[in-house]
């Protein structure tokens, strides 16, 4: 039965272990591994000072019985203490390294075991919606068939810096790799869109009734957030409306339109303080969406040597504006920005938009940003509240003309 998260201590300590790279093995001692306040996976310990190694894996067993494997670590700090009379070959170095993944396992979990899966998220404001049986903390349920057993619990997880809650679900362990990794990754992308920020899901914890436990820790993606969300995140129902209305469409269009990449450009555009840079990121978004739309959705022939799409006569090349017009028609955009087609050339070739005053650049940037938001919302079939910039009020998104 699904229960509230009881996250074990994710600070691991061991007297000895091994660094591995290809067929090289180096003993290390005095080990500690943990998630730092900045969201980095840190490995500390001691090793022979003669070694100079990076991009390595690490293996050790924690004093509490956790079997630890760390992936892709690189040393960023090393210090050697030399005592009088000590032979150079016997020197030890204290080191600190950062890694890309830390996996901790204790006990056994088999693919056919019933498990609880918990995925912690950070850095997004959201309102809980309902009281959930057997849980002290409130949460959110979802309506898509794929997510009917999934909960999002609002919770302050003290071990995880800036942790605000967690997804949880009960299922077979074999379904974690086969299904839930992908679904949770999609949900993270949707929540990043919601927050206009690179929020993180740094910890996954899985356990079974026999005491088997599995933990995966990944470092945070840090970005200097300053952009504002177009969703009323503090209002109950906003997160469920967003996920309920967009999840299936996101799964369907994710690879076709390369949505993860597009959302990355959108978030960077929203969080870039320099207007010209933000405008350029918006132009890159439109270039990327145009390409995926024409090649993968419309199956238009593409000449890679000229980077042009070819019309059905086999000779005539589509202009950029023609493809943008088709894109706007496909997704019911009647007031989309087209000025960016001209201004993108100034940004790319001159490094700035020089032909109009700064106040007009701000206006053009907002027009392009609104167009991108309308495209994403229409592509994903969003239904719910939306911040309408022209009217400066919250409205039902489907009530406005895009």
Protein backbone atom coordinates (compact mmCIF):
# COMPACT_ATOMS: atom_id res chain seq x y z
CA UNK A 1 0.00 0.00 0.00
CA UNK A 2 1.26 3.45 -0.90
CA UNK A 3 2.50 5.38 2.12
CA UNK A 4 3.96 8.81 2.81
CA UNK A 5 7.62 9.28 1.97
CA UNK A 6 10.10 8.35 4.69
CA UNK A 7 13.38 9.19 2.96
CA UNK A 8 16.45 7.47 4.46
CA UNK A 9 19.57 9.50 5.17
CA UNK A 10 21.30 10.26 1.85
CA UNK A 11 24.67 11.12 3.43
CA UNK A 12 26.88 8.06 2.96
CA UNK A 13 30.12 7.29 4.83
CA UNK A 14 32.65 4.47 4.39
CA UNK A 15 36.19 3.64 5.48
CA UNK A 16 37.29 2.44 2.03
CA UNK A 17 36.26 2.01 -1.59
CA UNK A 18 37.50 1.89 -5.16
CA UNK A 19 37.74 4.40 -8.00
CA UNK A 20 37.27 2.73 -11.39
CA UNK A 21 38.10 4.01 -14.88
CA UNK A 22 38.27 1.51 -17.72
CA UNK A 23 40.56 -1.26 -16.36
CA UNK A 24 42.19 0.98 -13.71
CA UNK A 25 41.24 0.55 -10.04
CA UNK A 26 42.47 2.94 -7.34
CA UNK A 27 41.79 2.39 -3.62
CA UNK A 28 40.36 5.33 -1.66
CA UNK A 29 39.61 5.78 2.04
CA UNK A 30 37.75 8.06 4.46
CA UNK A 31 34.85 8.37 2.02
CA UNK A 32 31.75 10.52 2.28
CA UNK A 33 29.19 11.12 -0.49
CA UNK A 34 26.23 13.49 -0.28
CA UNK A 35 23.96 16.02 -1.99
CA UNK A 36 25.25 19.52 -1.21
CA UNK A 37 23.17 22.59 -0.41
CA UNK A 38 23.84 23.76 -3.98
CA UNK A 39 22.44 20.53 -5.37
CA UNK A 40 25.79 18.99 -6.34
CA UNK A 41 26.73 15.34 -5.74
CA UNK A 42 29.96 15.56 -3.75
CA UNK A 43 32.43 12.74 -3.08
CA UNK A 44 35.19 13.30 -0.52
CA UNK A 45 38.02 11.01 0.50
CA UNK A 46 41.73 10.22 0.41
CA UNK A 47 43.83 8.62 -2.29
CA UNK A 48 47.47 8.18 -3.29
CA UNK A 49 48.79 11.59 -4.34
CA UNK A 50 50.46 10.23 -7.46
CA UNK A 51 47.12 9.65 -9.15
CA UNK A 52 45.66 12.22 -11.53
CA UNK A 53 42.28 10.92 -12.72
CA UNK A 54 38.90 12.32 -13.76
CA UNK A 55 35.68 11.06 -15.35
CA UNK A 56 35.74 8.04 -13.08
CA UNK A 57 33.21 5.84 -11.30
CA UNK A 58 33.34 4.92 -7.63
CA UNK A 59 32.18 1.88 -5.64
CA UNK A 60 31.96 1.49 -1.86
CA UNK A 61 29.73 0.12 0.87
CA UNK A 62 28.27 2.52 3.42
CA UNK A 63 28.56 1.78 7.15
CA UNK A 64 24.76 1.30 7.24
CA UNK A 65 24.80 -1.41 4.59
CA UNK A 66 24.16 0.68 1.47
CA UNK A 67 25.98 -0.48 -1.65
CA UNK A 68 26.98 2.70 -3.45
CA UNK A 69 27.96 3.25 -7.06
CA UNK A 70 28.81 6.72 -8.32
CA UNK A 71 28.98 7.66 -12.00
CA UNK A 72 31.13 10.18 -13.91
CA UNK A 73 32.98 11.94 -11.11
CA UNK A 74 35.68 14.55 -11.63
CA UNK A 75 38.02 15.98 -8.99
CA UNK A 76 37.72 19.73 -8.41
CA UNK A 77 39.83 20.06 -5.24
CA UNK A 78 42.92 18.16 -4.10
CA UNK A 79 45.39 18.85 -1.30
CA UNK A 80 48.51 17.00 -0.20
CA UNK A 81 49.98 17.23 3.28
CA UNK A 82 53.71 16.48 3.49
CA UNK A 83 55.26 15.57 6.82
CA UNK A 84 58.99 15.85 7.48
CA UNK A 85 60.82 12.73 6.40
CA UNK A 86 57.86 11.24 4.56
CA UNK A 87 58.72 9.38 1.35
CA UNK A 88 57.23 10.93 -1.79
CA UNK A 89 55.76 7.62 -2.92
CA UNK A 90 53.69 7.28 0.26
CA UNK A 91 51.93 10.63 0.07
CA UNK A 92 48.13 10.76 0.35
CA UNK A 93 45.86 13.47 -1.00
CA UNK A 94 42.51 14.65 0.29
CA UNK A 95 40.18 15.16 -2.66
CA UNK A 96 36.70 16.42 -3.49
CA UNK A 97 34.88 15.42 -6.67
CA UNK A 98 31.54 16.15 -8.32
CA UNK A 99 29.50 13.48 -10.07
CA UNK A 100 26.53 12.98 -12.37
CA UNK A 101 24.76 10.13 -10.54
CA UNK A 102 24.80 8.34 -7.22
CA UNK A 103 22.98 5.02 -6.83
CA UNK A 104 22.45 3.45 -3.40
CA UNK A 105 20.94 0.00 -2.85
CA UNK A 106 20.19 -1.96 0.31
CA UNK A 107 18.49 -5.33 0.42
CA UNK A 108 16.94 -6.84 -2.71
CA UNK A 109 14.24 -5.65 -5.08
CA UNK A 110 13.11 -7.94 -7.89
CA UNK A 111 11.25 -6.85 -11.03
CA UNK A 112 8.08 -8.65 -9.92
CA UNK A 113 8.10 -7.03 -6.44
CA UNK A 114 5.40 -4.56 -5.42
CA UNK A 115 7.15 -1.27 -4.63
CA UNK A 116 6.48 2.34 -3.76
CA UNK A 117 8.17 4.83 -6.08
CA UNK A 118 8.89 8.39 -4.89
CA UNK A 119 10.28 11.20 -7.05
CA UNK A 120 11.18 14.43 -5.23
CA UNK A 121 10.83 17.80 -7.02
CA UNK A 122 12.21 21.25 -6.20
CA UNK A 123 11.74 24.94 -6.90
CA UNK A 124 8.12 25.22 -8.00
CA UNK A 125 5.31 26.89 -6.13
CA UNK A 126 2.09 24.90 -6.24
CA UNK A 127 -1.05 24.52 -4.19
CA UNK A 128 -2.22 21.17 -2.84
CA UNK A 129 -5.82 20.32 -3.68
CA UNK A 130 -7.22 17.41 -1.69
CA UNK A 131 -6.84 15.40 1.52
CA UNK A 132 -5.55 11.94 0.68
CA UNK A 133 -6.37 8.92 2.80
CA UNK A 134 -3.44 7.58 4.85
CA UNK A 135 -1.42 10.75 4.15
CA UNK A 136 -0.90 13.57 6.65
CA UNK A 137 0.04 16.01 3.92
CA UNK A 138 -2.32 17.11 1.17
CA UNK A 139 -1.74 16.49 -2.51
CA UNK A 140 -3.05 16.24 -6.06
CA UNK A 141 -4.57 13.42 -8.10
CA UNK A 142 -4.73 13.21 -11.90
CA UNK A 143 -7.31 12.01 -14.42
CA UNK A 144 -5.36 10.55 -17.41
CA UNK A 145 -5.58 6.75 -17.38
CA UNK A 146 -1.79 6.50 -17.32
CA UNK A 147 -1.62 8.63 -14.16
CA UNK A 148 -4.69 7.50 -12.24
CA UNK A 149 -2.58 5.79 -9.55
CA UNK A 150 -0.09 8.68 -9.26
CA UNK A 151 -0.11 11.31 -6.49
CA UNK A 152 1.74 14.62 -6.15
CA UNK A 153 2.23 15.40 -2.46
CA UNK A 154 3.13 18.89 -1.26
CA UNK A 155 5.85 18.45 1.35
CA UNK A 156 9.01 20.09 2.68
CA UNK A 157 11.74 17.45 2.31
CA UNK A 158 14.53 18.73 4.56
CA UNK A 159 17.22 16.40 3.15
CA UNK A 160 16.72 17.77 -0.36
CA UNK A 161 17.61 21.47 -0.79
CA UNK A 162 14.58 23.49 -1.91
CA UNK A 163 12.45 20.32 -2.04
CA UNK A 164 8.75 21.21 -2.29
CA UNK A 165 7.03 17.87 -2.84
CA UNK A 166 7.12 14.47 -4.48
CA UNK A 167 5.33 12.27 -6.97
CA UNK A 168 4.52 8.80 -5.65
CA UNK A 169 2.97 5.65 -7.05
CA UNK A 170 2.68 1.95 -6.17
CA UNK A 171 3.55 -0.53 -8.93
CA UNK A 172 5.79 -3.44 -9.89
CA UNK A 173 9.49 -2.62 -9.77
CA UNK A 174 9.88 -3.72 -13.39
CA UNK A 175 7.52 -0.93 -14.43
CA UNK A 176 9.86 1.73 -13.06
CA UNK A 177 12.25 1.44 -16.01
CA UNK A 178 9.59 0.38 -18.49
CA UNK A 179 7.06 3.10 -17.75
CA UNK A 180 7.53 5.46 -14.82
CA UNK A 181 10.97 6.83 -15.70
CA UNK A 182 9.52 8.17 -18.95
CA UNK A 183 6.29 9.43 -17.38
CA UNK A 184 8.11 11.19 -14.55
CA UNK A 185 10.47 12.78 -17.07
CA UNK A 186 7.47 14.08 -19.05
CA UNK A 187 5.90 15.45 -15.87
CA UNK A 188 9.15 17.23 -15.00
CA UNK A 189 9.16 18.91 -18.42
CA UNK A 190 5.53 19.99 -17.97
CA UNK A 191 6.33 21.44 -14.53
CA UNK A 192 9.35 23.29 -15.95
CA UNK A 193 7.03 24.84 -18.50
CA UNK A 194 4.64 25.72 -15.69
CA UNK A 195 7.34 27.39 -13.61
CA UNK A 196 9.27 28.97 -16.52
CA UNK A 197 12.31 27.59 -14.72
CA UNK A 198 14.65 24.59 -14.69
CA UNK A 199 13.16 22.90 -11.66
CA UNK A 200 14.77 19.61 -10.63
CA UNK A 201 13.86 16.07 -9.58
CA UNK A 202 17.14 15.11 -7.86
CA UNK A 203 16.09 12.09 -5.81
CA UNK A 204 14.17 8.91 -6.67
CA UNK A 205 13.50 6.50 -3.79
CA UNK A 206 12.00 3.02 -4.22
CA UNK A 207 11.23 0.47 -1.50
CA UNK A 208 9.40 -2.83 -1.05
CA UNK A 209 7.77 -4.57 1.91
CA UNK A 210 10.81 -6.84 2.40
CA UNK A 211 13.16 -3.98 3.26
CA UNK A 212 14.67 -3.62 -0.19
CA UNK A 213 15.58 -0.01 -1.06
CA UNK A 214 16.89 1.78 -4.13
CA UNK A 215 17.91 5.47 -4.32
CA UNK A 216 19.05 7.48 -7.33
CA UNK A 217 20.52 10.96 -6.81
CA UNK A 218 21.29 13.38 -9.66
CA UNK A 219 22.68 16.94 -9.47
CA UNK A 220 20.57 20.04 -9.93
CA UNK A 221 20.44 21.96 -13.18
CA UNK A 222 21.06 25.51 -11.96
CA UNK A 223 19.83 28.62 -13.79
CA UNK A 224 19.46 32.20 -12.62
CA UNK A 225 15.67 32.34 -12.74
CA UNK A 226 13.96 35.69 -13.22
CA UNK A 227 11.10 34.86 -15.60
CA UNK A 228 7.45 34.90 -14.60
CA UNK A 229 5.06 32.00 -15.03
CA UNK A 230 1.96 32.24 -17.21
CA UNK A 231 0.12 29.91 -14.83
CA UNK A 232 -1.59 30.72 -11.52
CA UNK A 233 0.54 28.23 -9.60
CA UNK A 234 -0.70 29.27 -6.18
CA UNK A 235 -4.32 28.55 -7.07
CA UNK A 236 -5.75 25.07 -6.33
CA UNK A 237 -6.47 23.19 -9.54
CA UNK A 238 -3.82 24.84 -11.71
CA UNK A 239 -1.31 21.99 -11.65
CA UNK A 240 -3.96 19.31 -12.10
CA UNK A 241 -5.57 21.26 -14.98
CA UNK A 242 -2.19 21.62 -16.67
CA UNK A 243 -1.18 17.97 -16.35
CA UNK A 244 -4.66 16.55 -17.01
CA UNK A 245 -5.10 18.52 -20.23
CA UNK A 246 -1.56 18.29 -21.63
CA UNK A 247 0.01 15.00 -20.51
CA UNK A 248 -1.23 12.73 -23.31
CA UNK A 249 -0.52 15.31 -25.99
CA UNK A 250 2.95 15.93 -24.59
CA UNK A 251 3.72 12.21 -24.73
CA UNK A 252 2.42 12.05 -28.33
CA UNK A 253 4.27 15.12 -29.63
CA UNK A 254 7.40 14.97 -27.47
CA UNK A 255 9.67 13.32 -30.05
CA UNK A 256 7.87 14.60 -33.14
CA UNK A 257 8.33 18.27 -32.24
CA UNK A 258 11.36 17.82 -29.95
CA UNK A 259 9.45 19.47 -27.12
CA UNK A 260 12.18 19.07 -24.49
CA UNK A 261 14.59 21.14 -26.58
CA UNK A 262 11.95 23.76 -27.36
CA UNK A 263 11.05 24.13 -23.69
CA UNK A 264 14.74 24.62 -22.87
CA UNK A 265 14.92 27.55 -25.32
CA UNK A 266 11.64 28.97 -23.99
CA UNK A 267 12.81 28.84 -20.37
CA UNK A 268 16.17 30.42 -21.23
CA UNK A 269 14.35 33.14 -23.18
CA UNK A 270 12.14 33.87 -20.16
CA UNK A 271 15.11 34.00 -17.81
CA UNK A 272 17.62 35.96 -19.87
CA UNK A 273 18.06 39.54 -18.67
CA UNK A 274 19.52 40.85 -21.95
CA UNK A 275 16.73 41.61 -24.40
CA UNK A 276 18.73 40.90 -27.56
CA UNK A 277 19.78 37.51 -26.20
CA UNK A 278 16.21 36.71 -25.19
CA UNK A 279 15.00 37.64 -28.66
CA UNK A 280 17.66 35.45 -30.26
CA UNK A 281 16.60 32.49 -28.09
CA UNK A 282 13.02 33.10 -29.19
CA UNK A 283 14.16 33.03 -32.82
CA UNK A 284 16.04 29.76 -32.19
CA UNK A 285 12.84 28.34 -30.69
CA UNK A 286 10.89 29.28 -33.82
CA UNK A 287 13.59 27.84 -36.09
CA UNK A 288 13.56 24.58 -34.14
CA UNK A 289 9.78 24.29 -34.08
CA UNK A 290 9.54 25.13 -37.79
CA UNK A 291 12.08 22.42 -38.62
CA UNK A 292 10.46 19.67 -36.51
CA UNK A 293 6.98 20.66 -37.68
CA UNK A 294 7.91 20.59 -41.38
CA UNK A 295 10.14 17.50 -41.30
CA UNK A 296 8.49 15.24 -38.72
CA UNK A 297 4.84 16.26 -38.73
CA UNK A 298 4.27 17.38 -42.32
CA UNK A 299 6.93 15.11 -43.84
CA UNK A 300 8.14 17.83 -46.20
CA UNK A 301 11.28 16.96 -48.19
CA UNK A 302 14.43 18.58 -46.82
CA UNK A 303 17.62 19.48 -48.68
CA UNK A 304 20.36 19.23 -46.03
CA UNK A 305 22.96 20.84 -48.30
CA UNK A 306 20.99 24.11 -48.53
CA UNK A 307 19.00 23.72 -45.28
CA UNK A 308 15.79 24.30 -47.22
CA UNK A 309 12.47 22.48 -47.42
CA UNK A 310 11.28 21.55 -50.91
CA UNK A 311 7.72 21.88 -52.25
CA UNK A 312 5.86 19.01 -53.91
CA UNK A 313 7.14 20.00 -57.40
CA UNK A 314 10.59 18.85 -56.24
CA UNK A 315 12.26 22.14 -57.16
CA UNK A 316 10.71 25.15 -55.44
CA UNK A 317 12.00 25.90 -51.95
CA UNK A 318 9.77 27.01 -49.11
CA UNK A 319 10.52 30.42 -47.69
CA UNK A 320 10.84 30.68 -43.93
CA UNK A 321 7.67 32.78 -43.77
CA UNK A 322 5.68 30.22 -45.75
CA UNK A 323 6.56 27.53 -43.23
CA UNK A 324 5.75 29.83 -40.31
CA UNK A 325 2.38 30.61 -41.92
CA UNK A 326 1.68 26.87 -42.20
CA UNK A 327 2.71 26.37 -38.59
CA UNK A 328 0.40 29.17 -37.43
CA UNK A 329 -2.47 27.76 -39.47
CA UNK A 330 -1.95 24.26 -38.04
CA UNK A 331 -2.14 25.54 -34.47
CA UNK A 332 -4.80 28.26 -34.86
CA UNK A 333 -2.47 31.22 -34.37
CA UNK A 334 -4.07 34.25 -36.04
CA UNK A 335 -2.12 37.02 -34.29
CA UNK A 336 1.34 35.46 -34.29
CA UNK A 337 4.49 37.55 -34.57
CA UNK A 338 6.14 37.63 -37.99
CA UNK A 339 8.45 40.60 -37.42
CA UNK A 340 10.99 38.26 -35.83
CA UNK A 341 11.75 36.91 -39.32
CA UNK A 342 13.34 40.27 -40.14
CA UNK A 343 14.84 41.04 -36.74
CA UNK A 344 16.46 37.62 -36.30
CA UNK A 345 18.87 38.46 -39.13
CA UNK A 346 19.95 41.64 -37.33
CA UNK A 347 20.57 39.74 -34.11
CA UNK A 348 22.53 36.99 -35.86
CA UNK A 349 24.57 39.11 -38.26
CA UNK A 350 24.96 42.34 -36.26
CA UNK A 351 24.78 41.03 -32.68
CA UNK A 352 21.82 43.28 -31.81
CA UNK A 353 18.56 44.69 -33.10
CA UNK A 354 19.73 48.06 -34.39
CA UNK A 355 16.96 49.25 -36.70
CA UNK A 356 14.35 50.14 -34.03
CA UNK A 357 14.43 51.97 -30.65
CA UNK A 358 14.93 49.99 -27.45
CA UNK A 359 11.31 50.46 -26.34
CA UNK A 360 10.18 48.86 -29.61
CA UNK A 361 12.60 45.97 -29.05
CA UNK A 362 10.89 45.30 -25.71
CA UNK A 363 7.52 45.31 -27.46
CA UNK A 364 8.73 42.98 -30.22
CA UNK A 365 10.25 40.62 -27.65
CA UNK A 366 6.94 40.45 -25.79
CA UNK A 367 5.04 39.78 -29.03
CA UNK A 368 7.37 36.91 -29.87
CA UNK A 369 7.17 35.52 -26.32
CA UNK A 370 3.37 35.59 -26.38
CA UNK A 371 3.36 33.86 -29.79
CA UNK A 372 5.64 31.10 -28.47
CA UNK A 373 3.44 30.63 -25.40
CA UNK A 374 0.30 30.40 -27.52
CA UNK A 375 1.99 27.86 -29.79
CA UNK A 376 3.00 25.67 -26.86
CA UNK A 377 -0.41 25.90 -25.22
CA UNK A 378 -2.20 25.07 -28.48
CA UNK A 379 0.18 22.23 -29.32
CA UNK A 380 -0.44 20.74 -25.87
CA UNK A 381 -4.23 21.40 -25.89
CA UNK A 382 -4.08 23.24 -22.57
CA UNK A 383 -7.31 23.98 -20.72
CA UNK A 384 -7.13 26.18 -17.65
CA UNK A 385 -6.20 29.60 -16.28
CA UNK A 386 -3.62 31.66 -18.14
CA UNK A 387 -2.02 35.08 -17.56
CA UNK A 388 -3.05 37.20 -20.53
CA UNK A 389 -0.37 39.88 -20.89
CA UNK A 390 -2.37 42.34 -23.06
CA UNK A 391 -5.33 42.45 -20.64
CA UNK A 392 -3.13 41.88 -17.55
CA UNK A 393 -5.55 39.42 -15.98
CA UNK A 394 -6.09 35.72 -15.41
CA UNK A 395 -8.44 34.24 -17.99
CA UNK A 396 -9.56 30.82 -19.17
CA UNK A 397 -7.07 30.16 -21.96
CA UNK A 398 -9.69 28.81 -24.39
CA UNK A 399 -11.62 32.09 -24.06
CA UNK A 400 -9.00 34.15 -25.88
CA UNK A 401 -8.20 34.43 -29.59
CA UNK A 402 -4.63 33.53 -30.28
